[in-house]
Amino acid sequence: RSPGQATSYFYGFTRLMELRSEVERARGAKFDRREFHDFILAQGLLPPAQMRKAVLEQFGLGSGAPVGR
């Protein structure tokens, strides 16, 4: 009934996994998967760009520019 619904969910999923990988690479041994996911869940429903900004600020990665670029 909603042919674009799966696409939008997959888009959000891939953005979230990319963000998690970025934070994990940047924090190295300090990365805590549970802390990351607890923070994501605590944010509620945010568009991917706002979620990225909130996560990068929370985990001390600065301005929101991709790490390593």
PDB file of N, CA and C in Angstrom:
ATOM      1  N   ARG A   1       0.808  -1.201   0.000  1.00  0.00           N
ATOM      2  CA  ARG A   1       0.000   0.000   0.000  1.00  0.00           C
ATOM      3  C   ARG A   1       0.847   1.259   0.000  1.00  0.00           C
ATOM      4  N   SER A   2       2.031   1.165   0.559  1.00  0.00           N
ATOM      5  CA  SER A   2       2.954   2.303   0.575  1.00  0.00           C
ATOM      6  C   SER A   2       4.289   1.846   0.003  1.00  0.00           C
ATOM      7  N   PRO A   3       4.425   1.876  -1.313  1.00  0.00           N
ATOM      8  CA  PRO A   3       5.631   1.318  -1.926  1.00  0.00           C
ATOM      9  C   PRO A   3       6.933   2.001  -1.518  1.00  0.00           C
ATOM     10  N   GLY A   4       6.893   3.241  -1.093  1.00  0.00           N
ATOM     11  CA  GLY A   4       8.117   3.937  -0.701  1.00  0.00           C
ATOM     12  C   GLY A   4       8.491   3.760   0.759  1.00  0.00           C
ATOM     13  N   GLN A   5       7.627   3.107   1.535  1.00  0.00           N
ATOM     14  CA  GLN A   5       7.873   2.990   2.974  1.00  0.00           C
ATOM     15  C   GLN A   5       9.146   2.203   3.282  1.00  0.00           C
ATOM     16  N   ALA A   6       9.329   1.081   2.638  1.00  0.00           N
ATOM     17  CA  ALA A   6      10.521   0.267   2.904  1.00  0.00           C
ATOM     18  C   ALA A   6      11.792   1.029   2.535  1.00  0.00           C
ATOM     19  N   THR A   7      11.725   1.792   1.468  1.00  0.00           N
ATOM     20  CA  THR A   7      12.883   2.576   1.038  1.00  0.00           C
ATOM     21  C   THR A   7      13.268   3.605   2.087  1.00  0.00           C
ATOM     22  N   SER A   8      12.277   4.280   2.658  1.00  0.00           N
ATOM     23  CA  SER A   8      12.591   5.296   3.669  1.00  0.00           C
ATOM     24  C   SER A   8      13.143   4.658   4.940  1.00  0.00           C
ATOM     25  N   TYR A   9      12.615   3.518   5.338  1.00  0.00           N
ATOM     26  CA  TYR A   9      13.157   2.822   6.506  1.00  0.00           C
ATOM     27  C   TYR A   9      14.596   2.387   6.251  1.00  0.00           C
ATOM     28  N   PHE A  10      14.855   1.862   5.057  1.00  0.00           N
ATOM     29  CA  PHE A  10      16.202   1.406   4.734  1.00  0.00           C
ATOM     30  C   PHE A  10      17.173   2.576   4.693  1.00  0.00           C
ATOM     31  N   TYR A  11      16.734   3.706   4.169  1.00  0.00           N
ATOM     32  CA  TYR A  11      17.574   4.906   4.147  1.00  0.00           C
ATOM     33  C   TYR A  11      17.978   5.287   5.571  1.00  0.00           C
ATOM     34  N   GLY A  12      17.013   5.344   6.470  1.00  0.00           N
ATOM     35  CA  GLY A  12      17.306   5.683   7.864  1.00  0.00           C
ATOM     36  C   GLY A  12      18.241   4.670   8.511  1.00  0.00           C
ATOM     37  N   PHE A  13      18.013   3.402   8.235  1.00  0.00           N
ATOM     38  CA  PHE A  13      18.856   2.340   8.785  1.00  0.00           C
ATOM     39  C   PHE A  13      20.302   2.493   8.313  1.00  0.00           C
ATOM     40  N   THR A  14      20.489   2.722   7.021  1.00  0.00           N
ATOM     41  CA  THR A  14      21.858   2.837   6.511  1.00  0.00           C
ATOM     42  C   THR A  14      22.553   4.078   7.068  1.00  0.00           C
ATOM     43  N   ARG A  15      21.835   5.190   7.205  1.00  0.00           N
ATOM     44  CA  ARG A  15      22.433   6.398   7.799  1.00  0.00           C
ATOM     45  C   ARG A  15      22.838   6.128   9.245  1.00  0.00           C
ATOM     46  N   LEU A  16      22.005   5.420   9.987  1.00  0.00           N
ATOM     47  CA  LEU A  16      22.310   5.119  11.382  1.00  0.00           C
ATOM     48  C   LEU A  16      23.526   4.203  11.499  1.00  0.00           C
ATOM     49  N   MET A  17      23.623   3.201  10.646  1.00  0.00           N
ATOM     50  CA  MET A  17      24.770   2.291  10.687  1.00  0.00           C
ATOM     51  C   MET A  17      26.060   3.013  10.284  1.00  0.00           C
ATOM     52  N   GLU A  18      25.972   3.925   9.314  1.00  0.00           N
ATOM     53  CA  GLU A  18      27.148   4.720   8.937  1.00  0.00           C
ATOM     54  C   GLU A  18      27.588   5.613  10.094  1.00  0.00           C
ATOM     55  N   LEU A  19      26.620   6.205  10.769  1.00  0.00           N
ATOM     56  CA  LEU A  19      26.926   7.069  11.907  1.00  0.00           C
ATOM     57  C   LEU A  19      27.567   6.264  13.031  1.00  0.00           C
ATOM     58  N   ARG A  20      27.017   5.102  13.312  1.00  0.00           N
ATOM     59  CA  ARG A  20      27.594   4.255  14.358  1.00  0.00           C
ATOM     60  C   ARG A  20      29.028   3.864  14.012  1.00  0.00           C
ATOM     61  N   SER A  21      29.273   3.501  12.768  1.00  0.00           N
ATOM     62  CA  SER A  21      30.627   3.141  12.341  1.00  0.00           C
ATOM     63  C   SER A  21      31.580   4.315  12.487  1.00  0.00           C
ATOM     64  N   GLU A  22      31.106   5.500  12.142  1.00  0.00           N
ATOM     65  CA  GLU A  22      31.937   6.699  12.245  1.00  0.00           C
ATOM     66  C   GLU A  22      32.315   6.984  13.697  1.00  0.00           C
ATOM     67  N   VAL A  23      31.344   6.909  14.588  1.00  0.00           N
ATOM     68  CA  VAL A  23      31.612   7.155  16.007  1.00  0.00           C
ATOM     69  C   VAL A  23      32.519   6.059  16.559  1.00  0.00           C
ATOM     70  N   GLU A  24      32.276   4.826  16.159  1.00  0.00           N
ATOM     71  CA  GLU A  24      33.094   3.700  16.624  1.00  0.00           C
ATOM     72  C   GLU A  24      34.552   3.864  16.193  1.00  0.00           C
ATOM     73  N   ARG A  25      34.781   4.259  14.949  1.00  0.00           N
ATOM     74  CA  ARG A  25      36.154   4.484  14.468  1.00  0.00           C
ATOM     75  C   ARG A  25      36.819   5.619  15.232  1.00  0.00           C
ATOM     76  N   ALA A  26      36.080   6.697  15.440  1.00  0.00           N
ATOM     77  CA  ALA A  26      36.654   7.874  16.095  1.00  0.00           C
ATOM     78  C   ALA A  26      36.967   7.620  17.568  1.00  0.00           C
ATOM     79  N   ARG A  27      36.119   6.891  18.255  1.00  0.00           N
ATOM     80  CA  ARG A  27      36.308   6.676  19.690  1.00  0.00           C
ATOM     81  C   ARG A  27      37.160   5.455  20.002  1.00  0.00           C
ATOM     82  N   GLY A  28      37.320   4.568  19.058  1.00  0.00           N
ATOM     83  CA  GLY A  28      38.155   3.388  19.265  1.00  0.00           C
ATOM     84  C   GLY A  28      37.691   2.557  20.445  1.00  0.00           C
ATOM     85  N   ALA A  29      38.612   2.273  21.368  1.00  0.00           N
ATOM     86  CA  ALA A  29      38.315   1.427  22.531  1.00  0.00           C
ATOM     87  C   ALA A  29      37.318   2.081  23.487  1.00  0.00           C
ATOM     88  N   LYS A  30      37.144   3.389  23.388  1.00  0.00           N
ATOM     89  CA  LYS A  30      36.190   4.093  24.252  1.00  0.00           C
ATOM     90  C   LYS A  30      34.742   3.917  23.795  1.00  0.00           C
ATOM     91  N   PHE A  31      34.542   3.387  22.586  1.00  0.00           N
ATOM     92  CA  PHE A  31      33.188   3.245  22.056  1.00  0.00           C
ATOM     93  C   PHE A  31      32.417   2.213  22.861  1.00  0.00           C
ATOM     94  N   ASP A  32      31.206   2.577  23.241  1.00  0.00           N
ATOM     95  CA  ASP A  32      30.312   1.683  23.978  1.00  0.00           C
ATOM     96  C   ASP A  32      29.005   1.586  23.187  1.00  0.00           C
ATOM     97  N   ARG A  33      28.771   0.431  22.599  1.00  0.00           N
ATOM     98  CA  ARG A  33      27.594   0.236  21.744  1.00  0.00           C
ATOM     99  C   ARG A  33      26.298   0.505  22.501  1.00  0.00           C
ATOM    100  N   ARG A  34      26.223   0.058  23.736  1.00  0.00           N
ATOM    101  CA  ARG A  34      25.005   0.271  24.524  1.00  0.00           C
ATOM    102  C   ARG A  34      24.774   1.762  24.770  1.00  0.00           C
ATOM    103  N   GLU A  35      25.827   2.475  25.123  1.00  0.00           N
ATOM    104  CA  GLU A  35      25.709   3.918  25.348  1.00  0.00           C
ATOM    105  C   GLU A  35      25.246   4.617  24.068  1.00  0.00           C
ATOM    106  N   PHE A  36      25.802   4.208  22.935  1.00  0.00           N
ATOM    107  CA  PHE A  36      25.419   4.790  21.652  1.00  0.00           C
ATOM    108  C   PHE A  36      23.934   4.568  21.384  1.00  0.00           C
ATOM    109  N   HIS A  37      23.487   3.332  21.499  1.00  0.00           N
ATOM    110  CA  HIS A  37      22.091   3.021  21.191  1.00  0.00           C
ATOM    111  C   HIS A  37      21.128   3.606  22.216  1.00  0.00           C
ATOM    112  N   ASP A  38      21.516   3.657  23.472  1.00  0.00           N
ATOM    113  CA  ASP A  38      20.674   4.313  24.478  1.00  0.00           C
ATOM    114  C   ASP A  38      20.486   5.785  24.130  1.00  0.00           C
ATOM    115  N   PHE A  39      21.546   6.434  23.686  1.00  0.00           N
ATOM    116  CA  PHE A  39      21.447   7.839  23.299  1.00  0.00           C
ATOM    117  C   PHE A  39      20.523   8.000  22.096  1.00  0.00           C
ATOM    118  N   ILE A  40      20.667   7.138  21.099  1.00  0.00           N
ATOM    119  CA  ILE A  40      19.809   7.197  19.908  1.00  0.00           C
ATOM    120  C   ILE A  40      18.344   7.072  20.313  1.00  0.00           C
ATOM    121  N   LEU A  41      18.034   6.089  21.137  1.00  0.00           N
ATOM    122  CA  LEU A  41      16.647   5.875  21.554  1.00  0.00           C
ATOM    123  C   LEU A  41      16.108   7.043  22.362  1.00  0.00           C
ATOM    124  N   ALA A  42      16.950   7.659  23.169  1.00  0.00           N
ATOM    125  CA  ALA A  42      16.520   8.788  24.000  1.00  0.00           C
ATOM    126  C   ALA A  42      16.171  10.019  23.161  1.00  0.00           C
ATOM    127  N   GLN A  43      16.671  10.089  21.925  1.00  0.00           N
ATOM    128  CA  GLN A  43      16.409  11.256  21.080  1.00  0.00           C
ATOM    129  C   GLN A  43      15.014  11.258  20.477  1.00  0.00           C
ATOM    130  N   GLY A  44      14.367  10.102  20.449  1.00  0.00           N
ATOM    131  CA  GLY A  44      13.055  10.039  19.806  1.00  0.00           C
ATOM    132  C   GLY A  44      13.208  10.080  18.296  1.00  0.00           C
ATOM    133  N   LEU A  45      12.174  10.575  17.634  1.00  0.00           N
ATOM    134  CA  LEU A  45      12.177  10.620  16.175  1.00  0.00           C
ATOM    135  C   LEU A  45      12.798  11.923  15.688  1.00  0.00           C
ATOM    136  N   LEU A  46      13.963  11.800  15.097  1.00  0.00           N
ATOM    137  CA  LEU A  46      14.646  12.956  14.511  1.00  0.00           C
ATOM    138  C   LEU A  46      15.000  12.630  13.065  1.00  0.00           C
ATOM    139  N   PRO A  47      14.998  13.626  12.200  1.00  0.00           N
ATOM    140  CA  PRO A  47      15.502  13.402  10.843  1.00  0.00           C
ATOM    141  C   PRO A  47      16.984  13.012  10.910  1.00  0.00           C
ATOM    142  N   PRO A  48      17.460  12.238   9.940  1.00  0.00           N
ATOM    143  CA  PRO A  48      18.848  11.771   9.979  1.00  0.00           C
ATOM    144  C   PRO A  48      19.887  12.867  10.196  1.00  0.00           C
ATOM    145  N   ALA A  49      19.733  14.019   9.576  1.00  0.00           N
ATOM    146  CA  ALA A  49      20.727  15.094   9.732  1.00  0.00           C
ATOM    147  C   ALA A  49      20.764  15.619  11.165  1.00  0.00           C
ATOM    148  N   GLN A  50      19.600  15.759  11.791  1.00  0.00           N
ATOM    149  CA  GLN A  50      19.560  16.234  13.180  1.00  0.00           C
ATOM    150  C   GLN A  50      20.086  15.171  14.137  1.00  0.00           C
ATOM    151  N   MET A  51      19.789  13.898  13.847  1.00  0.00           N
ATOM    152  CA  MET A  51      20.297  12.814  14.684  1.00  0.00           C
ATOM    153  C   MET A  51      21.818  12.792  14.618  1.00  0.00           C
ATOM    154  N   ARG A  52      22.362  12.945  13.424  1.00  0.00           N
ATOM    155  CA  ARG A  52      23.818  12.954  13.250  1.00  0.00           C
ATOM    156  C   ARG A  52      24.451  14.070  14.075  1.00  0.00           C
ATOM    157  N   LYS A  53      23.878  15.265  13.990  1.00  0.00           N
ATOM    158  CA  LYS A  53      24.414  16.404  14.734  1.00  0.00           C
ATOM    159  C   LYS A  53      24.374  16.133  16.234  1.00  0.00           C
ATOM    160  N   ALA A  54      23.253  15.616  16.732  1.00  0.00           N
ATOM    161  CA  ALA A  54      23.119  15.327  18.161  1.00  0.00           C
ATOM    162  C   ALA A  54      24.135  14.279  18.610  1.00  0.00           C
ATOM    163  N   VAL A  55      24.309  13.233  17.817  1.00  0.00           N
ATOM    164  CA  VAL A  55      25.246  12.157  18.168  1.00  0.00           C
ATOM    165  C   VAL A  55      26.677  12.673  18.185  1.00  0.00           C
ATOM    166  N   LEU A  56      27.058  13.419  17.165  1.00  0.00           N
ATOM    167  CA  LEU A  56      28.434  13.908  17.099  1.00  0.00           C
ATOM    168  C   LEU A  56      28.734  14.873  18.240  1.00  0.00           C
ATOM    169  N   GLU A  57      27.762  15.679  18.613  1.00  0.00           N
ATOM    170  CA  GLU A  57      27.957  16.569  19.762  1.00  0.00           C
ATOM    171  C   GLU A  57      28.051  15.773  21.060  1.00  0.00           C
ATOM    172  N   GLN A  58      27.178  14.798  21.226  1.00  0.00           N
ATOM    173  CA  GLN A  58      27.160  13.989  22.451  1.00  0.00           C
ATOM    174  C   GLN A  58      28.471  13.238  22.659  1.00  0.00           C
ATOM    175  N   PHE A  59      29.013  12.707  21.573  1.00  0.00           N
ATOM    176  CA  PHE A  59      30.208  11.877  21.686  1.00  0.00           C
ATOM    177  C   PHE A  59      31.495  12.650  21.397  1.00  0.00           C
ATOM    178  N   GLY A  60      31.401  13.972  21.419  1.00  0.00           N
ATOM    179  CA  GLY A  60      32.586  14.819  21.347  1.00  0.00           C
ATOM    180  C   GLY A  60      33.303  14.817  20.021  1.00  0.00           C
ATOM    181  N   LEU A  61      32.545  14.686  18.941  1.00  0.00           N
ATOM    182  CA  LEU A  61      33.184  14.648  17.629  1.00  0.00           C
ATOM    183  C   LEU A  61      33.006  15.947  16.869  1.00  0.00           C
ATOM    184  N   GLY A  62      32.585  16.974  17.550  1.00  0.00           N
ATOM    185  CA  GLY A  62      32.630  18.317  16.991  1.00  0.00           C
ATOM    186  C   GLY A  62      31.493  18.742  16.114  1.00  0.00           C
ATOM    187  N   SER A  63      31.835  19.368  15.024  1.00  0.00           N
ATOM    188  CA  SER A  63      30.915  20.155  14.208  1.00  0.00           C
ATOM    189  C   SER A  63      29.925  19.358  13.386  1.00  0.00           C
ATOM    190  N   GLY A  64      30.078  18.075  13.290  1.00  0.00           N
ATOM    191  CA  GLY A  64      29.200  17.300  12.431  1.00  0.00           C
ATOM    192  C   GLY A  64      29.828  16.967  11.096  1.00  0.00           C
ATOM    193  N   ALA A  65      31.043  17.456  10.874  1.00  0.00           N
ATOM    194  CA  ALA A  65      31.756  17.089   9.654  1.00  0.00           C
ATOM    195  C   ALA A  65      32.180  15.631   9.772  1.00  0.00           C
ATOM    196  N   PRO A  66      32.132  14.873   8.683  1.00  0.00           N
ATOM    197  CA  PRO A  66      32.530  13.470   8.752  1.00  0.00           C
ATOM    198  C   PRO A  66      33.938  13.311   9.313  1.00  0.00           C
ATOM    199  N   VAL A  67      34.116  12.365  10.186  1.00  0.00           N
ATOM    200  CA  VAL A  67      35.415  12.106  10.798  1.00  0.00           C
ATOM    201  C   VAL A  67      36.360  11.585   9.730  1.00  0.00           C
ATOM    202  N   GLY A  68      37.584  12.133   9.711  1.00  0.00           N
ATOM    203  CA  GLY A  68      38.589  11.659   8.772  1.00  0.00           C
ATOM    204  C   GLY A  68      38.478  12.254   7.382  1.00  0.00           C
ATOM    205  N   ARG A  69      37.605  13.235   7.206  1.00  0.00           N
ATOM    206  CA  ARG A  69      37.471  13.857   5.880  1.00  0.00           C
ATOM    207  C   ARG A  69      37.844  15.297   5.942  1.00  0.00           C
TER     208      ARG A  69
END
